[in-house]
PDB file of N, CA and C in Angstrom:
ATOM      1  N   MET A   1     221.408-153.788 188.800  1.00  0.00           N
ATOM      2  CA  MET A   1     220.862-152.754 189.649  1.00  0.00           C
ATOM      3  C   MET A   1     221.845-151.610 189.835  1.00  0.00           C
ATOM      4  N   ALA A   2     223.156-151.941 189.860  1.00  0.00           N
ATOM      5  CA  ALA A   2     224.177-150.914 190.040  1.00  0.00           C
ATOM      6  C   ALA A   2     224.241-149.987 188.840  1.00  0.00           C
ATOM      7  N   HIS A   3     223.968-150.544 187.647  1.00  0.00           N
ATOM      8  CA  HIS A   3     224.004-149.706 186.454  1.00  0.00           C
ATOM      9  C   HIS A   3     222.869-148.678 186.462  1.00  0.00           C
ATOM     10  N   LEU A   4     221.746-149.022 187.075  1.00  0.00           N
ATOM     11  CA  LEU A   4     220.642-148.083 187.183  1.00  0.00           C
ATOM     12  C   LEU A   4     221.004-146.916 188.094  1.00  0.00           C
ATOM     13  N   SER A   5     221.666-147.218 189.193  1.00  0.00           N
ATOM     14  CA  SER A   5     222.106-146.169 190.113  1.00  0.00           C
ATOM     15  C   SER A   5     223.127-145.249 189.445  1.00  0.00           C
ATOM     16  N   LEU A   6     224.047-145.843 188.699  1.00  0.00           N
ATOM     17  CA  LEU A   6     225.048-145.050 187.992  1.00  0.00           C
ATOM     18  C   LEU A   6     224.390-144.174 186.927  1.00  0.00           C
ATOM     19  N   THR A   7     223.422-144.714 186.221  1.00  0.00           N
ATOM     20  CA  THR A   7     222.707-143.958 185.194  1.00  0.00           C
ATOM     21  C   THR A   7     221.961-142.780 185.809  1.00  0.00           C
ATOM     22  N   ASN A   8     221.273-143.007 186.921  1.00  0.00           N
ATOM     23  CA  ASN A   8     220.548-141.920 187.589  1.00  0.00           C
ATOM     24  C   ASN A   8     221.503-140.833 188.077  1.00  0.00           C
ATOM     25  N   THR A   9     222.634-141.237 188.621  1.00  0.00           N
ATOM     26  CA  THR A   9     223.621-140.267 189.093  1.00  0.00           C
ATOM     27  C   THR A   9     224.181-139.462 187.938  1.00  0.00           C
ATOM     28  N   LEU A  10     224.483-140.127 186.833  1.00  0.00           N
ATOM     29  CA  LEU A  10     225.008-139.439 185.659  1.00  0.00           C
ATOM     30  C   LEU A  10     223.970-138.474 185.084  1.00  0.00           C
ATOM     31  N   ASN A  11     222.714-138.867 185.060  1.00  0.00           N
ATOM     32  CA  ASN A  11     221.651-137.974 184.594  1.00  0.00           C
ATOM     33  C   ASN A  11     221.524-136.750 185.495  1.00  0.00           C
ATOM     34  N   THR A  12     221.664-136.936 186.798  1.00  0.00           N
ATOM     35  CA  THR A  12     221.582-135.824 187.738  1.00  0.00           C
ATOM     36  C   THR A  12     222.735-134.854 187.529  1.00  0.00           C
ATOM     37  N   VAL A  13     223.936-135.385 187.350  1.00  0.00           N
ATOM     38  CA  VAL A  13     225.109-134.535 187.110  1.00  0.00           C
ATOM     39  C   VAL A  13     224.936-133.760 185.808  1.00  0.00           C
ATOM     40  N   THR A  14     224.459-134.428 184.773  1.00  0.00           N
ATOM     41  CA  THR A  14     224.266-133.779 183.480  1.00  0.00           C
ATOM     42  C   THR A  14     223.231-132.667 183.566  1.00  0.00           C
ATOM     43  N   SER A  15     222.106-132.918 184.219  1.00  0.00           N
ATOM     44  CA  SER A  15     221.074-131.883 184.314  1.00  0.00           C
ATOM     45  C   SER A  15     221.517-130.744 185.228  1.00  0.00           C
ATOM     46  N   SER A  16     222.289-131.050 186.275  1.00  0.00           N
ATOM     47  CA  SER A  16     222.817-129.988 187.141  1.00  0.00           C
ATOM     48  C   SER A  16     223.790-129.112 186.369  1.00  0.00           C
ATOM     49  N   HIS A  17     224.620-129.735 185.556  1.00  0.00           N
ATOM     50  CA  HIS A  17     225.575-128.978 184.750  1.00  0.00           C
ATOM     51  C   HIS A  17     224.837-128.086 183.751  1.00  0.00           C
ATOM     52  N   ALA A  18     223.807-128.619 183.124  1.00  0.00           N
ATOM     53  CA  ALA A  18     223.030-127.827 182.166  1.00  0.00           C
ATOM     54  C   ALA A  18     222.353-126.649 182.868  1.00  0.00           C
ATOM     55  N   ALA A  19     221.847-126.876 184.081  1.00  0.00           N
ATOM     56  CA  ALA A  19     221.204-125.786 184.828  1.00  0.00           C
ATOM     57  C   ALA A  19     222.222-124.719 185.207  1.00  0.00           C
ATOM     58  N   ARG A  20     223.425-125.125 185.595  1.00  0.00           N
ATOM     59  CA  ARG A  20     224.473-124.154 185.943  1.00  0.00           C
ATOM     60  C   ARG A  20     224.875-123.335 184.726  1.00  0.00           C
ATOM     61  N   LEU A  21     225.021-123.983 183.585  1.00  0.00           N
ATOM     62  CA  LEU A  21     225.379-123.254 182.362  1.00  0.00           C
ATOM     63  C   LEU A  21     224.285-122.274 181.962  1.00  0.00           C
ATOM     64  N   ALA A  22     223.041-122.691 182.091  1.00  0.00           N
ATOM     65  CA  ALA A  22     221.930-121.801 181.755  1.00  0.00           C
ATOM     66  C   ALA A  22     221.896-120.597 182.687  1.00  0.00           C
ATOM     67  N   ALA A  23     222.180-120.809 183.962  1.00  0.00           N
ATOM     68  CA  ALA A  23     222.191-119.696 184.922  1.00  0.00           C
ATOM     69  C   ALA A  23     223.308-118.715 184.624  1.00  0.00           C
ATOM     70  N   ILE A  24     224.437-119.214 184.143  1.00  0.00           N
ATOM     71  CA  ILE A  24     225.551-118.325 183.825  1.00  0.00           C
ATOM     72  C   ILE A  24     225.284-117.560 182.530  1.00  0.00           C
ATOM     73  N   ARG A  25     224.688-118.230 181.558  1.00  0.00           N
ATOM     74  CA  ARG A  25     224.442-117.592 180.253  1.00  0.00           C
ATOM     75  C   ARG A  25     223.269-116.626 180.279  1.00  0.00           C
ATOM     76  N   ASP A  26     222.261-116.902 181.079  1.00  0.00           N
ATOM     77  CA  ASP A  26     221.073-116.061 181.093  1.00  0.00           C
ATOM     78  C   ASP A  26     221.361-114.777 181.852  1.00  0.00           C
ATOM     79  N   ARG A  27     221.226-113.682 181.174  1.00  0.00           N
ATOM     80  CA  ARG A  27     221.450-112.364 181.758  1.00  0.00           C
ATOM     81  C   ARG A  27     220.225-111.501 181.490  1.00  0.00           C
ATOM     82  N   LEU A  28     220.119-110.443 182.274  1.00  0.00           N
ATOM     83  CA  LEU A  28     219.042-109.495 182.016  1.00  0.00           C
ATOM     84  C   LEU A  28     219.299-108.813 180.677  1.00  0.00           C
ATOM     85  N   PRO A  29     218.278-108.670 179.873  1.00  0.00           N
ATOM     86  CA  PRO A  29     218.471-107.943 178.612  1.00  0.00           C
ATOM     87  C   PRO A  29     218.850-106.485 178.897  1.00  0.00           C
ATOM     88  N   THR A  30     219.565-105.890 177.961  1.00  0.00           N
ATOM     89  CA  THR A  30     220.015-104.511 178.113  1.00  0.00           C
ATOM     90  C   THR A  30     218.840-103.557 178.290  1.00  0.00           C
ATOM     91  N   THR A  31     217.733-103.839 177.642  1.00  0.00           N
ATOM     92  CA  THR A  31     216.572-102.956 177.776  1.00  0.00           C
ATOM     93  C   THR A  31     216.016-102.982 179.203  1.00  0.00           C
ATOM     94  N   ILE A  32     216.065-104.144 179.848  1.00  0.00           N
ATOM     95  CA  ILE A  32     215.581-104.247 181.227  1.00  0.00           C
ATOM     96  C   ILE A  32     216.507-103.488 182.167  1.00  0.00           C
ATOM     97  N   VAL A  33     217.813-103.600 181.956  1.00  0.00           N
ATOM     98  CA  VAL A  33     218.777-102.861 182.784  1.00  0.00           C
ATOM     99  C   VAL A  33     218.577-101.359 182.587  1.00  0.00           C
ATOM    100  N   ALA A  34     218.394-100.936 181.347  1.00  0.00           N
ATOM    101  CA  ALA A  34     218.158 -99.515 181.072  1.00  0.00           C
ATOM    102  C   ALA A  34     216.865 -99.043 181.726  1.00  0.00           C
ATOM    103  N   LEU A  35     215.824 -99.876 181.679  1.00  0.00           N
ATOM    104  CA  LEU A  35     214.557 -99.522 182.312  1.00  0.00           C
ATOM    105  C   LEU A  35     214.698 -99.420 183.831  1.00  0.00           C
ATOM    106  N   LEU A  36     215.486-100.303 184.415  1.00  0.00           N
ATOM    107  CA  LEU A  36     215.742-100.257 185.854  1.00  0.00           C
ATOM    108  C   LEU A  36     216.447 -98.965 186.240  1.00  0.00           C
ATOM    109  N   LEU A  37     217.482 -98.609 185.493  1.00  0.00           N
ATOM    110  CA  LEU A  37     218.214 -97.377 185.780  1.00  0.00           C
ATOM    111  C   LEU A  37     217.352 -96.142 185.532  1.00  0.00           C
ATOM    112  N   LEU A  38     216.566 -96.158 184.471  1.00  0.00           N
ATOM    113  CA  LEU A  38     215.690 -95.034 184.177  1.00  0.00           C
ATOM    114  C   LEU A  38     214.631 -94.851 185.264  1.00  0.00           C
ATOM    115  N   SER A  39     214.067 -95.944 185.744  1.00  0.00           N
ATOM    116  CA  SER A  39     213.056 -95.828 186.797  1.00  0.00           C
ATOM    117  C   SER A  39     213.666 -95.315 188.097  1.00  0.00           C
ATOM    118  N   ALA A  40     214.912 -95.663 188.392  1.00  0.00           N
ATOM    119  CA  ALA A  40     215.583 -95.139 189.583  1.00  0.00           C
ATOM    120  C   ALA A  40     215.799 -93.636 189.462  1.00  0.00           C
ATOM    121  N   VAL A  41     216.211 -93.188 188.292  1.00  0.00           N
ATOM    122  CA  VAL A  41     216.428 -91.753 188.078  1.00  0.00           C
ATOM    123  C   VAL A  41     215.107 -90.991 188.143  1.00  0.00           C
ATOM    124  N   VAL A  42     214.077 -91.521 187.525  1.00  0.00           N
ATOM    125  CA  VAL A  42     212.771 -90.854 187.536  1.00  0.00           C
ATOM    126  C   VAL A  42     212.209 -90.787 188.958  1.00  0.00           C
ATOM    127  N   ALA A  43     212.371 -91.855 189.727  1.00  0.00           N
ATOM    128  CA  ALA A  43     211.891 -91.842 191.120  1.00  0.00           C
ATOM    129  C   ALA A  43     212.608 -90.769 191.926  1.00  0.00           C
ATOM    130  N   ALA A  44     213.914 -90.633 191.755  1.00  0.00           N
ATOM    131  CA  ALA A  44     214.666 -89.598 192.473  1.00  0.00           C
ATOM    132  C   ALA A  44     214.243 -88.202 192.018  1.00  0.00           C
ATOM    133  N   MET A  45     213.998 -88.041 190.734  1.00  0.00           N
ATOM    134  CA  MET A  45     213.547 -86.742 190.230  1.00  0.00           C
ATOM    135  C   MET A  45     212.176 -86.377 190.780  1.00  0.00           C
ATOM    136  N   LEU A  46     211.277 -87.354 190.873  1.00  0.00           N
ATOM    137  CA  LEU A  46     209.941 -87.070 191.402  1.00  0.00           C
ATOM    138  C   LEU A  46     209.980 -86.685 192.875  1.00  0.00           C
ATOM    139  N   VAL A  47     210.869 -87.318 193.637  1.00  0.00           N
ATOM    140  CA  VAL A  47     211.013 -86.945 195.044  1.00  0.00           C
ATOM    141  C   VAL A  47     211.523 -85.512 195.144  1.00  0.00           C
ATOM    142  N   GLY A  48     212.522 -85.161 194.332  1.00  0.00           N
ATOM    143  CA  GLY A  48     213.042 -83.792 194.330  1.00  0.00           C
ATOM    144  C   GLY A  48     212.010 -82.780 193.881  1.00  0.00           C
ATOM    145  N   ARG A  49     211.232 -83.122 192.888  1.00  0.00           N
ATOM    146  CA  ARG A  49     210.190 -82.214 192.394  1.00  0.00           C
ATOM    147  C   ARG A  49     209.123 -81.984 193.457  1.00  0.00           C
ATOM    148  N   GLU A  50     208.714 -83.050 194.147  1.00  0.00           N
ATOM    149  CA  GLU A  50     207.706 -82.928 195.204  1.00  0.00           C
ATOM    150  C   GLU A  50     208.206 -82.054 196.343  1.00  0.00           C
ATOM    151  N   GLN A  51     209.459 -82.226 196.723  1.00  0.00           N
ATOM    152  CA  GLN A  51     210.001 -81.398 197.798  1.00  0.00           C
ATOM    153  C   GLN A  51     210.157 -79.950 197.359  1.00  0.00           C
ATOM    154  N   GLY A  52     210.493 -79.736 196.097  1.00  0.00           N
ATOM    155  CA  GLY A  52     210.602 -78.369 195.586  1.00  0.00           C
ATOM    156  C   GLY A  52     209.248 -77.679 195.538  1.00  0.00           C
ATOM    157  N   ALA A  53     208.211 -78.422 195.182  1.00  0.00           N
ATOM    158  CA  ALA A  53     206.871 -77.840 195.083  1.00  0.00           C
ATOM    159  C   ALA A  53     206.294 -77.543 196.463  1.00  0.00           C
ATOM    160  N   SER A  54     206.600 -78.371 197.447  1.00  0.00           N
ATOM    161  CA  SER A  54     206.043 -78.153 198.785  1.00  0.00           C
ATOM    162  C   SER A  54     206.830 -77.120 199.567  1.00  0.00           C
ATOM    163  N   GLY A  55     208.065 -76.854 199.168  1.00  0.00           N
ATOM    164  CA  GLY A  55     208.880 -75.876 199.866  1.00  0.00           C
ATOM    165  C   GLY A  55     209.527 -76.422 201.123  1.00  0.00           C
ATOM    166  N   GLU A  56     209.272 -77.684 201.439  1.00  0.00           N
ATOM    167  CA  GLU A  56     209.871 -78.311 202.622  1.00  0.00           C
ATOM    168  C   GLU A  56     210.931 -79.306 202.160  1.00  0.00           C
ATOM    169  N   ALA A  57     212.057 -79.289 202.855  1.00  0.00           N
ATOM    170  CA  ALA A  57     213.133 -80.206 202.511  1.00  0.00           C
ATOM    171  C   ALA A  57     213.267 -81.251 203.613  1.00  0.00           C
ATOM    172  N   ASP A  58     212.980 -82.491 203.269  1.00  0.00           N
ATOM    173  CA  ASP A  58     213.166 -83.611 204.199  1.00  0.00           C
ATOM    174  C   ASP A  58     214.425 -84.352 203.765  1.00  0.00           C
ATOM    175  N   ILE A  59     215.560 -83.861 204.242  1.00  0.00           N
ATOM    176  CA  ILE A  59     216.849 -84.389 203.813  1.00  0.00           C
ATOM    177  C   ILE A  59     217.005 -85.856 204.205  1.00  0.00           C
ATOM    178  N   ALA A  60     216.655 -86.202 205.432  1.00  0.00           N
ATOM    179  CA  ALA A  60     216.830 -87.583 205.896  1.00  0.00           C
ATOM    180  C   ALA A  60     215.988 -88.554 205.071  1.00  0.00           C
ATOM    181  N   GLY A  61     214.741 -88.209 204.822  1.00  0.00           N
ATOM    182  CA  GLY A  61     213.871 -89.071 204.021  1.00  0.00           C
ATOM    183  C   GLY A  61     214.357 -89.212 202.593  1.00  0.00           C
ATOM    184  N   THR A  62     214.831 -88.110 202.023  1.00  0.00           N
ATOM    185  CA  THR A  62     215.328 -88.138 200.653  1.00  0.00           C
ATOM    186  C   THR A  62     216.579 -89.001 200.540  1.00  0.00           C
ATOM    187  N   VAL A  63     217.505 -88.822 201.468  1.00  0.00           N
ATOM    188  CA  VAL A  63     218.736 -89.602 201.438  1.00  0.00           C
ATOM    189  C   VAL A  63     218.432 -91.090 201.631  1.00  0.00           C
ATOM    190  N   CYS A  64     217.544 -91.408 202.567  1.00  0.00           N
ATOM    191  CA  CYS A  64     217.173 -92.818 202.789  1.00  0.00           C
ATOM    192  C   CYS A  64     216.518 -93.414 201.549  1.00  0.00           C
ATOM    193  N   PHE A  65     215.642 -92.648 200.899  1.00  0.00           N
ATOM    194  CA  PHE A  65     214.974 -93.142 199.696  1.00  0.00           C
ATOM    195  C   PHE A  65     215.983 -93.396 198.577  1.00  0.00           C
ATOM    196  N   ILE A  66     216.886 -92.455 198.360  1.00  0.00           N
ATOM    197  CA  ILE A  66     217.869 -92.607 197.288  1.00  0.00           C
ATOM    198  C   ILE A  66     218.819 -93.766 197.599  1.00  0.00           C
ATOM    199  N   LEU A  67     219.211 -93.912 198.855  1.00  0.00           N
ATOM    200  CA  LEU A  67     220.061 -95.050 199.227  1.00  0.00           C
ATOM    201  C   LEU A  67     219.348 -96.376 199.016  1.00  0.00           C
ATOM    202  N   LEU A  68     218.070 -96.432 199.361  1.00  0.00           N
ATOM    203  CA  LEU A  68     217.299 -97.656 199.178  1.00  0.00           C
ATOM    204  C   LEU A  68     217.162 -98.015 197.699  1.00  0.00           C
ATOM    205  N   VAL A  69     216.830 -97.042 196.874  1.00  0.00           N
ATOM    206  CA  VAL A  69     216.700 -97.299 195.433  1.00  0.00           C
ATOM    207  C   VAL A  69     218.055 -97.696 194.849  1.00  0.00           C
ATOM    208  N   SER A  70     219.117 -97.039 195.282  1.00  0.00           N
ATOM    209  CA  SER A  70     220.461 -97.378 194.799  1.00  0.00           C
ATOM    210  C   SER A  70     220.858 -98.788 195.222  1.00  0.00           C
ATOM    211  N   PHE A  71     220.532 -99.158 196.456  1.00  0.00           N
ATOM    212  CA  PHE A  71     220.862-100.491 196.947  1.00  0.00           C
ATOM    213  C   PHE A  71     220.124-101.569 196.166  1.00  0.00           C
ATOM    214  N   VAL A  72     218.848-101.365 195.918  1.00  0.00           N
ATOM    215  CA  VAL A  72     218.060-102.344 195.163  1.00  0.00           C
ATOM    216  C   VAL A  72     218.596-102.474 193.741  1.00  0.00           C
ATOM    217  N   THR A  73     218.936-101.359 193.123  1.00  0.00           N
ATOM    218  CA  THR A  73     219.498-101.394 191.774  1.00  0.00           C
ATOM    219  C   THR A  73     220.840-102.122 191.756  1.00  0.00           C
ATOM    220  N   PHE A  74     221.697-101.816 192.739  1.00  0.00           N
ATOM    221  CA  PHE A  74     223.001-102.465 192.815  1.00  0.00           C
ATOM    222  C   PHE A  74     222.870-103.974 193.002  1.00  0.00           C
ATOM    223  N   VAL A  75     222.001-104.403 193.911  1.00  0.00           N
ATOM    224  CA  VAL A  75     221.832-105.836 194.166  1.00  0.00           C
ATOM    225  C   VAL A  75     221.281-106.541 192.929  1.00  0.00           C
ATOM    226  N   THR A  76     220.334-105.917 192.250  1.00  0.00           N
ATOM    227  CA  THR A  76     219.773-106.512 191.037  1.00  0.00           C
ATOM    228  C   THR A  76     220.843-106.685 189.969  1.00  0.00           C
ATOM    229  N   LEU A  77     221.659-105.657 189.770  1.00  0.00           N
ATOM    230  CA  LEU A  77     222.710-105.751 188.763  1.00  0.00           C
ATOM    231  C   LEU A  77     223.818-106.707 189.191  1.00  0.00           C
ATOM    232  N   ASP A  78     224.089-106.792 190.486  1.00  0.00           N
ATOM    233  CA  ASP A  78     225.117-107.718 190.977  1.00  0.00           C
ATOM    234  C   ASP A  78     224.656-109.168 190.850  1.00  0.00           C
ATOM    235  N   LEU A  79     223.393-109.433 191.101  1.00  0.00           N
ATOM    236  CA  LEU A  79     222.860-110.786 190.936  1.00  0.00           C
ATOM    237  C   LEU A  79     222.826-111.202 189.469  1.00  0.00           C
ATOM    238  N   ASN A  80     222.814-110.225 188.589  1.00  0.00           N
ATOM    239  CA  ASN A  80     222.804-110.500 187.159  1.00  0.00           C
ATOM    240  C   ASN A  80     224.150-111.051 186.694  1.00  0.00           C
ATOM    241  N   GLN A  81     225.199-110.900 187.496  1.00  0.00           N
ATOM    242  CA  GLN A  81     226.533-111.375 187.149  1.00  0.00           C
ATOM    243  C   GLN A  81     227.014-112.336 188.240  1.00  0.00           C
ATOM    244  N   PRO A  82     226.623-113.613 188.195  1.00  0.00           N
ATOM    245  CA  PRO A  82     226.945-114.529 189.291  1.00  0.00           C
ATOM    246  C   PRO A  82     228.419-114.888 189.409  1.00  0.00           C
ATOM    247  N   ASP A  83     229.215-114.608 188.376  1.00  0.00           N
ATOM    248  CA  ASP A  83     230.630-114.993 188.420  1.00  0.00           C
ATOM    249  C   ASP A  83     231.550-113.885 188.916  1.00  0.00           C
ATOM    250  N   ARG A  84     231.020-112.692 189.140  1.00  0.00           N
ATOM    251  CA  ARG A  84     231.833-111.587 189.655  1.00  0.00           C
ATOM    252  C   ARG A  84     230.953-110.639 190.448  1.00  0.00           C
ATOM    253  N   GLY A  85     231.559-109.713 191.142  1.00  0.00           N
ATOM    254  CA  GLY A  85     230.813-108.780 191.969  1.00  0.00           C
ATOM    255  C   GLY A  85     230.863-109.190 193.427  1.00  0.00           C
ATOM    256  N   LEU A  86     230.048-108.553 194.244  1.00  0.00           N
ATOM    257  CA  LEU A  86     230.032-108.854 195.671  1.00  0.00           C
ATOM    258  C   LEU A  86     229.279-110.142 195.983  1.00  0.00           C
ATOM    259  N   ILE A  87     228.237-110.438 195.207  1.00  0.00           N
ATOM    260  CA  ILE A  87     227.449-111.650 195.405  1.00  0.00           C
ATOM    261  C   ILE A  87     227.859-112.629 194.302  1.00  0.00           C
ATOM    262  N   THR A  88     228.581-113.680 194.684  1.00  0.00           N
ATOM    263  CA  THR A  88     229.050-114.645 193.686  1.00  0.00           C
ATOM    264  C   THR A  88     228.506-116.029 194.004  1.00  0.00           C
ATOM    265  N   VAL A  89     228.445-116.849 192.979  1.00  0.00           N
ATOM    266  CA  VAL A  89     228.013-118.228 193.131  1.00  0.00           C
ATOM    267  C   VAL A  89     229.262-119.076 193.328  1.00  0.00           C
ATOM    268  N   SER A  90     229.296-119.844 194.390  1.00  0.00           N
ATOM    269  CA  SER A  90     230.466-120.657 194.705  1.00  0.00           C
ATOM    270  C   SER A  90     230.629-121.789 193.692  1.00  0.00           C
ATOM    271  N   GLN A  91     231.856-121.978 193.246  1.00  0.00           N
ATOM    272  CA  GLN A  91     232.180-123.071 192.342  1.00  0.00           C
ATOM    273  C   GLN A  91     232.729-124.278 193.101  1.00  0.00           C
ATOM    274  N   GLU A  92     232.757-124.190 194.426  1.00  0.00           N
ATOM    275  CA  GLU A  92     233.335-125.238 195.264  1.00  0.00           C
ATOM    276  C   GLU A  92     232.651-126.595 195.097  1.00  0.00           C
ATOM    277  N   PRO A  93     231.327-126.697 195.021  1.00  0.00           N
ATOM    278  CA  PRO A  93     230.722-128.027 194.824  1.00  0.00           C
ATOM    279  C   PRO A  93     231.158-128.698 193.521  1.00  0.00           C
ATOM    280  N   MET A  94     231.280-127.908 192.459  1.00  0.00           N
ATOM    281  CA  MET A  94     231.710-128.479 191.180  1.00  0.00           C
ATOM    282  C   MET A  94     233.178-128.896 191.243  1.00  0.00           C
ATOM    283  N   GLN A  95     234.006-128.111 191.917  1.00  0.00           N
ATOM    284  CA  GLN A  95     235.415-128.466 192.063  1.00  0.00           C
ATOM    285  C   GLN A  95     235.574-129.723 192.914  1.00  0.00           C
ATOM    286  N   ARG A  96     234.755-129.851 193.951  1.00  0.00           N
ATOM    287  CA  ARG A  96     234.801-131.048 194.802  1.00  0.00           C
ATOM    288  C   ARG A  96     234.392-132.279 194.004  1.00  0.00           C
ATOM    289  N   LEU A  97     233.380-132.140 193.168  1.00  0.00           N
ATOM    290  CA  LEU A  97     232.945-133.255 192.325  1.00  0.00           C
ATOM    291  C   LEU A  97     234.052-133.655 191.359  1.00  0.00           C
ATOM    292  N   LEU A  98     234.699-132.683 190.757  1.00  0.00           N
ATOM    293  CA  LEU A  98     235.788-132.984 189.820  1.00  0.00           C
ATOM    294  C   LEU A  98     236.949-133.673 190.528  1.00  0.00           C
ATOM    295  N   SER A  99     237.242-133.255 191.755  1.00  0.00           N
ATOM    296  CA  SER A  99     238.346-133.885 192.470  1.00  0.00           C
ATOM    297  C   SER A  99     238.031-135.324 192.832  1.00  0.00           C
ATOM    298  N   THR A 100     236.772-135.638 193.137  1.00  0.00           N
ATOM    299  CA  THR A 100     236.411-137.021 193.441  1.00  0.00           C
ATOM    300  C   THR A 100     236.419-137.890 192.190  1.00  0.00           C
ATOM    301  N   MET A 101     236.167-137.295 191.034  1.00  0.00           N
ATOM    302  CA  MET A 101     236.155-138.059 189.784  1.00  0.00           C
ATOM    303  C   MET A 101     237.564-138.397 189.329  1.00  0.00           C
ATOM    304  N   SER A 102     238.534-137.575 189.668  1.00  0.00           N
ATOM    305  CA  SER A 102     239.906-137.819 189.215  1.00  0.00           C
ATOM    306  C   SER A 102     240.641-138.806 190.108  1.00  0.00           C
ATOM    307  N   GLU A 103     240.081-139.137 191.263  1.00  0.00           N
ATOM    308  CA  GLU A 103     240.747-140.065 192.180  1.00  0.00           C
ATOM    309  C   GLU A 103     240.652-141.496 191.713  1.00  0.00           C
TER     310      GLU A 103
END
């Protein structure tokens, strides 16, 4: 019965490791990143064009919109790189597991 428990635990560790490796290797394709950046630029241009055509300048709304689009783009690109940037994936659980295995 103990061998079954050990086998299940080993299978869980193996599949968790495979999932972690897949998450690190899988990145957004360059075309998707380019499309994201292009859509942000086009959205900002359309806001500027609309304000130019109406003759009214809503500075606060424009700045808030550009900041929001920039923030969403930044977070998307930062999540695309889990090993660096402001949003990182902690390696502490894997290090803790390794330390218990070496004891």
